[in-house]
C-alpha atoms as a PDB file:
ATOM      1  CA  MET A   1       0.000   0.000   0.000  1.00  0.00           C
ATOM      2  CA  SER A   2       1.357   3.409  -0.947  1.00  0.00           C
ATOM      3  CA  LEU A   3       1.109   6.686   0.932  1.00  0.00           C
ATOM      4  CA  LEU A   4      -1.279   7.897  -1.762  1.00  0.00           C
ATOM      5  CA  ASP A   5      -3.585   4.915  -1.043  1.00  0.00           C
ATOM      6  CA  ILE A   6      -3.645   5.910   2.631  1.00  0.00           C
ATOM      7  CA  LEU A   7      -4.237   9.625   2.010  1.00  0.00           C
ATOM      8  CA  CYS A   8      -6.692   9.248  -0.880  1.00  0.00           C
ATOM      9  CA  PRO A   9      -8.192   5.755  -0.747  1.00  0.00           C
ATOM     10  CA  THR A  10      -9.807   4.545  -3.951  1.00  0.00           C
ATOM     11  CA  PRO A  11     -13.019   2.557  -3.631  1.00  0.00           C
ATOM     12  CA  CYS A  12     -13.080  -0.900  -5.173  1.00  0.00           C
ATOM     13  CA  ALA A  13     -14.732  -0.862  -8.608  1.00  0.00           C
ATOM     14  CA  GLY A  14     -16.289  -4.243  -7.809  1.00  0.00           C
ATOM     15  CA  CYS A  15     -17.959  -3.593  -4.465  1.00  0.00           C
ATOM     16  CA  GLY A  16     -17.262   0.028  -3.459  1.00  0.00           C
ATOM     17  CA  ALA A  17     -15.335  -0.932  -0.310  1.00  0.00           C
ATOM     18  CA  ALA A  18     -11.913   0.495   0.506  1.00  0.00           C
ATOM     19  CA  GLY A  19      -8.997  -1.197  -1.194  1.00  0.00           C
ATOM     20  CA  GLY A  20      -9.544  -0.147  -4.781  1.00  0.00           C
ATOM     21  CA  PRO A  21      -9.219  -0.169  -7.625  1.00  0.00           C
ATOM     22  CA  ALA A  22      -9.993  -3.882  -7.015  1.00  0.00           C
ATOM     23  CA  CYS A  23     -10.050  -5.174  -3.443  1.00  0.00           C
ATOM     24  CA  HIS A  24      -8.879  -8.674  -2.528  1.00  0.00           C
ATOM     25  CA  ARG A  25     -12.432  -9.928  -2.018  1.00  0.00           C
ATOM     26  CA  CYS A  26     -13.355  -8.959  -5.596  1.00  0.00           C
ATOM     27  CA  ARG A  27     -10.013  -9.941  -7.131  1.00  0.00           C
ATOM     28  CA  ASP A  28      -9.790 -13.414  -5.520  1.00  0.00           C
ATOM     29  CA  PRO A  29     -12.546 -15.037  -7.644  1.00  0.00           C
ATOM     30  CA  LEU A  30     -10.576 -13.962 -10.731  1.00  0.00           C
ATOM     31  CA  LEU A  31      -7.594 -16.039  -9.587  1.00  0.00           C
ATOM     32  CA  SER A  32      -9.402 -19.335 -10.172  1.00  0.00           C
ATOM     33  CA  ALA A  33      -8.174 -21.910 -12.670  1.00  0.00           C
ATOM     34  CA  ALA A  34      -9.466 -21.379 -16.191  1.00  0.00           C
ATOM     35  CA  ARG A  35     -12.065 -23.806 -17.495  1.00  0.00           C
ATOM     36  CA  ARG A  36     -13.720 -24.413 -20.860  1.00  0.00           C
ATOM     37  CA  HIS A  37     -17.066 -22.761 -21.412  1.00  0.00           C
ATOM     38  CA  ARG A  38     -19.709 -23.286 -24.051  1.00  0.00           C
ATOM     39  CA  PRO A  39     -22.528 -20.739 -24.148  1.00  0.00           C
ATOM     40  CA  SER A  40     -26.084 -21.819 -24.697  1.00  0.00           C
ATOM     41  CA  PRO A  41     -27.133 -21.318 -27.374  1.00  0.00           C
ATOM     42  CA  CYS A  42     -23.695 -21.672 -28.950  1.00  0.00           C
ATOM     43  CA  PRO A  43     -23.204 -19.852 -32.248  1.00  0.00           C
ATOM     44  CA  PRO A  44     -21.986 -22.088 -35.083  1.00  0.00           C
ATOM     45  CA  GLY A  45     -18.218 -21.944 -35.585  1.00  0.00           C
ATOM     46  CA  LEU A  46     -17.491 -20.393 -32.189  1.00  0.00           C
ATOM     47  CA  PRO A  47     -13.935 -21.309 -31.172  1.00  0.00           C
ATOM     48  CA  PRO A  48     -13.286 -22.795 -27.714  1.00  0.00           C
ATOM     49  CA  LEU A  49     -13.827 -20.323 -24.878  1.00  0.00           C
ATOM     50  CA  TRP A  50     -12.002 -20.247 -21.536  1.00  0.00           C
ATOM     51  CA  VAL A  51     -13.327 -18.513 -18.422  1.00  0.00           C
ATOM     52  CA  VAL A  52     -12.067 -17.966 -14.890  1.00  0.00           C
ATOM     53  CA  ALA A  53     -15.228 -16.588 -13.259  1.00  0.00           C
ATOM     54  CA  PRO A  54     -18.913 -16.163 -14.063  1.00  0.00           C
ATOM     55  CA  TYR A  55     -19.969 -12.776 -15.437  1.00  0.00           C
ATOM     56  CA  GLU A  56     -21.899 -11.733 -12.340  1.00  0.00           C
ATOM     57  CA  GLY A  57     -21.552  -9.829  -9.088  1.00  0.00           C
ATOM     58  CA  SER A  58     -18.236  -8.122  -8.402  1.00  0.00           C
ATOM     59  CA  THR A  59     -16.605  -9.657 -11.491  1.00  0.00           C
ATOM     60  CA  ARG A  60     -19.239  -8.031 -13.693  1.00  0.00           C
ATOM     61  CA  HIS A  61     -18.846  -4.715 -11.838  1.00  0.00           C
ATOM     62  CA  LEU A  62     -15.049  -4.770 -12.293  1.00  0.00           C
ATOM     63  CA  LEU A  63     -15.360  -5.495 -16.020  1.00  0.00           C
ATOM     64  CA  LEU A  64     -17.969  -2.784 -16.552  1.00  0.00           C
ATOM     65  CA  ALA A  65     -15.926  -0.226 -14.588  1.00  0.00           C
ATOM     66  CA  PHE A  66     -12.928  -1.050 -16.756  1.00  0.00           C
ATOM     67  CA  LYS A  67     -14.624  -1.258 -20.142  1.00  0.00           C
ATOM     68  CA  GLU A  68     -17.423   1.285 -19.836  1.00  0.00           C
ATOM     69  CA  ARG A  69     -16.018   3.842 -17.385  1.00  0.00           C
ATOM     70  CA  GLY A  70     -12.321   3.639 -18.279  1.00  0.00           C
ATOM     71  CA  SER A  71     -11.166   2.567 -14.789  1.00  0.00           C
ATOM     72  CA  THR A  72      -7.721   1.598 -16.042  1.00  0.00           C
ATOM     73  CA  GLY A  73      -6.513   0.850 -12.498  1.00  0.00           C
ATOM     74  CA  VAL A  74      -8.560  -2.352 -12.703  1.00  0.00           C
ATOM     75  CA  SER A  75      -6.358  -3.651 -15.556  1.00  0.00           C
ATOM     76  CA  GLY A  76      -3.957  -5.291 -13.105  1.00  0.00           C
ATOM     77  CA  ALA A  77      -6.774  -7.330 -11.604  1.00  0.00           C
ATOM     78  CA  LEU A  78      -8.018  -8.288 -15.087  1.00  0.00           C
ATOM     79  CA  SER A  79      -4.709  -9.047 -16.826  1.00  0.00           C
ATOM     80  CA  VAL A  80      -3.866 -11.900 -14.436  1.00  0.00           C
ATOM     81  CA  PRO A  81      -7.035 -13.930 -15.147  1.00  0.00           C
ATOM     82  CA  LEU A  82      -6.784 -13.162 -18.852  1.00  0.00           C
ATOM     83  CA  ALA A  83      -3.217 -14.515 -18.827  1.00  0.00           C
ATOM     84  CA  THR A  84      -4.499 -17.598 -16.944  1.00  0.00           C
ATOM     85  CA  ALA A  85      -7.136 -18.182 -19.634  1.00  0.00           C
ATOM     86  CA  VAL A  86      -4.570 -17.724 -22.426  1.00  0.00           C
ATOM     87  CA  ARG A  87      -2.229 -20.262 -20.771  1.00  0.00           C
ATOM     88  CA  ALA A  88      -5.127 -22.737 -20.467  1.00  0.00           C
ATOM     89  CA  ALA A  89      -6.055 -22.275 -24.124  1.00  0.00           C
ATOM     90  CA  MET A  90      -2.412 -22.837 -25.117  1.00  0.00           C
ATOM     91  CA  ARG A  91      -2.028 -26.181 -23.337  1.00  0.00           C
ATOM     92  CA  GLY A  92      -0.392 -28.561 -25.779  1.00  0.00           C
ATOM     93  CA  VAL A  93       0.297 -25.796 -28.290  1.00  0.00           C
ATOM     94  CA  SER A  94       3.645 -24.117 -28.869  1.00  0.00           C
ATOM     95  CA  GLY A  95       4.713 -21.018 -30.739  1.00  0.00           C
ATOM     96  CA  ARG A  96       4.036 -17.321 -30.553  1.00  0.00           C
ATOM     97  CA  VAL A  97       0.740 -16.130 -29.100  1.00  0.00           C
ATOM     98  CA  LEU A  98      -0.889 -13.062 -30.581  1.00  0.00           C
ATOM     99  CA  LEU A  99      -3.485 -11.208 -28.548  1.00  0.00           C
ATOM    100  CA  VAL A 100      -5.725  -9.270 -30.934  1.00  0.00           C
ATOM    101  CA  PRO A 101      -7.858  -6.709 -29.116  1.00  0.00           C
ATOM    102  CA  VAL A 102     -11.230  -5.919 -30.639  1.00  0.00           C
ATOM    103  CA  PRO A 103     -11.048  -2.208 -31.409  1.00  0.00           C
ATOM    104  CA  SER A 104     -13.323   0.223 -29.663  1.00  0.00           C
ATOM    105  CA  SER A 105     -14.960   3.014 -31.603  1.00  0.00           C
ATOM    106  CA  PRO A 106     -13.255   6.410 -31.550  1.00  0.00           C
ATOM    107  CA  VAL A 107     -16.283   7.745 -29.642  1.00  0.00           C
ATOM    108  CA  ALA A 108     -15.901   5.043 -26.952  1.00  0.00           C
ATOM    109  CA  ILE A 109     -12.158   5.690 -26.674  1.00  0.00           C
ATOM    110  CA  ARG A 110     -12.793   9.415 -26.162  1.00  0.00           C
ATOM    111  CA  ALA A 111     -15.516   8.717 -23.582  1.00  0.00           C
ATOM    112  CA  ARG A 112     -13.290   6.274 -21.637  1.00  0.00           C
ATOM    113  CA  GLY A 113     -10.203   8.440 -21.944  1.00  0.00           C
ATOM    114  CA  ASP A 114      -8.127   5.655 -23.506  1.00  0.00           C
ATOM    115  CA  ASP A 115      -8.195   2.435 -25.507  1.00  0.00           C
ATOM    116  CA  VAL A 116      -8.769   0.263 -22.429  1.00  0.00           C
ATOM    117  CA  ILE A 117      -9.090  -3.002 -24.377  1.00  0.00           C
ATOM    118  CA  GLY A 118      -5.784  -2.355 -26.148  1.00  0.00           C
ATOM    119  CA  LEU A 119      -4.177  -1.508 -22.786  1.00  0.00           C
ATOM    120  CA  LEU A 120      -5.462  -4.760 -21.263  1.00  0.00           C
ATOM    121  CA  ALA A 121      -4.123  -6.816 -24.179  1.00  0.00           C
ATOM    122  CA  ALA A 122      -0.708  -5.113 -23.961  1.00  0.00           C
ATOM    123  CA  ARG A 123      -0.500  -5.576 -20.188  1.00  0.00           C
ATOM    124  CA  THR A 124      -1.518  -9.241 -20.485  1.00  0.00           C
ATOM    125  CA  ALA A 125       1.086  -9.824 -23.208  1.00  0.00           C
ATOM    126  CA  ARG A 126       3.787  -8.306 -20.949  1.00  0.00           C
ATOM    127  CA  LEU A 127       2.662 -10.536 -18.090  1.00  0.00           C
ATOM    128  CA  LEU A 128       2.819 -13.632 -20.296  1.00  0.00           C
ATOM    129  CA  ARG A 129       6.265 -12.687 -21.641  1.00  0.00           C
ATOM    130  CA  ALA A 130       7.476 -12.314 -18.044  1.00  0.00           C
ATOM    131  CA  SER A 131       6.467 -15.964 -17.520  1.00  0.00           C
ATOM    132  CA  ALA A 132       8.387 -17.119 -20.638  1.00  0.00           C
ATOM    133  CA  VAL A 133       5.434 -17.184 -23.066  1.00  0.00           C
ATOM    134  CA  ASP A 134       6.263 -15.690 -26.476  1.00  0.00           C
ATOM    135  CA  CYS A 135       3.314 -13.316 -26.637  1.00  0.00           C
ATOM    136  CA  ARG A 136       2.574 -10.041 -28.386  1.00  0.00           C
ATOM    137  CA  SER A 137      -0.435  -7.772 -28.499  1.00  0.00           C
ATOM    138  CA  VAL A 138      -1.134  -6.742 -32.084  1.00  0.00           C
ATOM    139  CA  SER A 139      -3.735  -4.187 -33.113  1.00  0.00           C
ATOM    140  CA  VAL A 140      -4.528  -5.500 -36.572  1.00  0.00           C
ATOM    141  CA  LEU A 141      -8.290  -4.975 -36.613  1.00  0.00           C
ATOM    142  CA  ALA A 142     -10.131  -1.796 -37.533  1.00  0.00           C
ATOM    143  CA  GLN A 143     -13.784  -0.864 -37.371  1.00  0.00           C
ATOM    144  CA  CYS A 144     -15.264  -0.508 -40.858  1.00  0.00           C
ATOM    145  CA  ARG A 145     -18.518   1.019 -39.760  1.00  0.00           C
ATOM    146  CA  PRO A 146     -20.243   2.162 -36.589  1.00  0.00           C
ATOM    147  CA  VAL A 147     -21.912  -0.493 -34.430  1.00  0.00           C
ATOM    148  CA  ALA A 148     -24.714  -0.178 -31.900  1.00  0.00           C
ATOM    149  CA  ASP A 149     -24.131  -0.702 -28.188  1.00  0.00           C
ATOM    150  CA  SER A 150     -24.615  -4.438 -27.642  1.00  0.00           C
ATOM    151  CA  ALA A 151     -26.223  -4.089 -24.203  1.00  0.00           C
ATOM    152  CA  GLY A 152     -29.714  -5.528 -24.385  1.00  0.00           C
ATOM    153  CA  LEU A 153     -29.250  -7.154 -27.793  1.00  0.00           C
ATOM    154  CA  SER A 154     -30.013 -10.833 -28.325  1.00  0.00           C
ATOM    155  CA  ALA A 155     -27.307 -13.161 -29.652  1.00  0.00           C
ATOM    156  CA  ALA A 156     -28.750 -12.926 -33.171  1.00  0.00           C
ATOM    157  CA  MET A 157     -28.975  -9.133 -32.959  1.00  0.00           C
ATOM    158  CA  ARG A 158     -25.358  -8.932 -31.723  1.00  0.00           C
ATOM    159  CA  ALA A 159     -24.194 -11.085 -34.631  1.00  0.00           C
ATOM    160  CA  GLU A 160     -26.031  -8.878 -37.127  1.00  0.00           C
ATOM    161  CA  ASN A 161     -24.717  -5.735 -35.407  1.00  0.00           C
ATOM    162  CA  LEU A 162     -21.128  -6.942 -35.877  1.00  0.00           C
ATOM    163  CA  ARG A 163     -21.498  -8.425 -39.377  1.00  0.00           C
ATOM    164  CA  HIS A 164     -18.857  -6.782 -41.616  1.00  0.00           C
ATOM    165  CA  ALA A 165     -18.001  -4.304 -38.857  1.00  0.00           C
ATOM    166  CA  LEU A 166     -14.335  -5.347 -38.479  1.00  0.00           C
ATOM    167  CA  ALA A 167     -11.543  -5.887 -40.985  1.00  0.00           C
ATOM    168  CA  VAL A 168      -7.807  -6.431 -40.949  1.00  0.00           C
ATOM    169  CA  ARG A 169      -6.037  -3.094 -41.276  1.00  0.00           C
ATOM    170  CA  PRO A 170      -4.455  -2.612 -44.701  1.00  0.00           C
ATOM    171  CA  GLY A 171      -0.859  -3.789 -44.740  1.00  0.00           C
ATOM    172  CA  ARG A 172      -1.306  -5.808 -41.510  1.00  0.00           C
ATOM    173  CA  ASP A 173      -2.278  -9.229 -42.923  1.00  0.00           C
END
């Protein structure tokens, strides 16, 4: 704990208690082992998914604070479980790992104050490299057209919303 934490405590983005940006009680569930997950209904062609915690309670609050409100201090609490999920997905596979963040719209980046998804991917890649995984974060995708906020959309509506919305940046393939 730093002197700044003592003088100006930050509330936890997950529960609001002291000990922010993510207190131990909210961060601990994110330290679980990664496990395979298959959503229901599962879209055709969906690659294997790995999760460390259900999207509910304090985990949901931490993710929303990070993604929607630009609480970049939460990235430390989120990069560790993301690295855990990447390691689980890599079991039995060797070679370089590329983390490809899905780009946010320019409007969202301005509202959040930064490209938080890109920051999370870069921080996770650094964490993986520190544990001897050949990993890089590469921003090769670009938005081709505006998309609607996906909150409240059904799975089919989300798929339609994203259809032809992303492409590989020219010269990056």
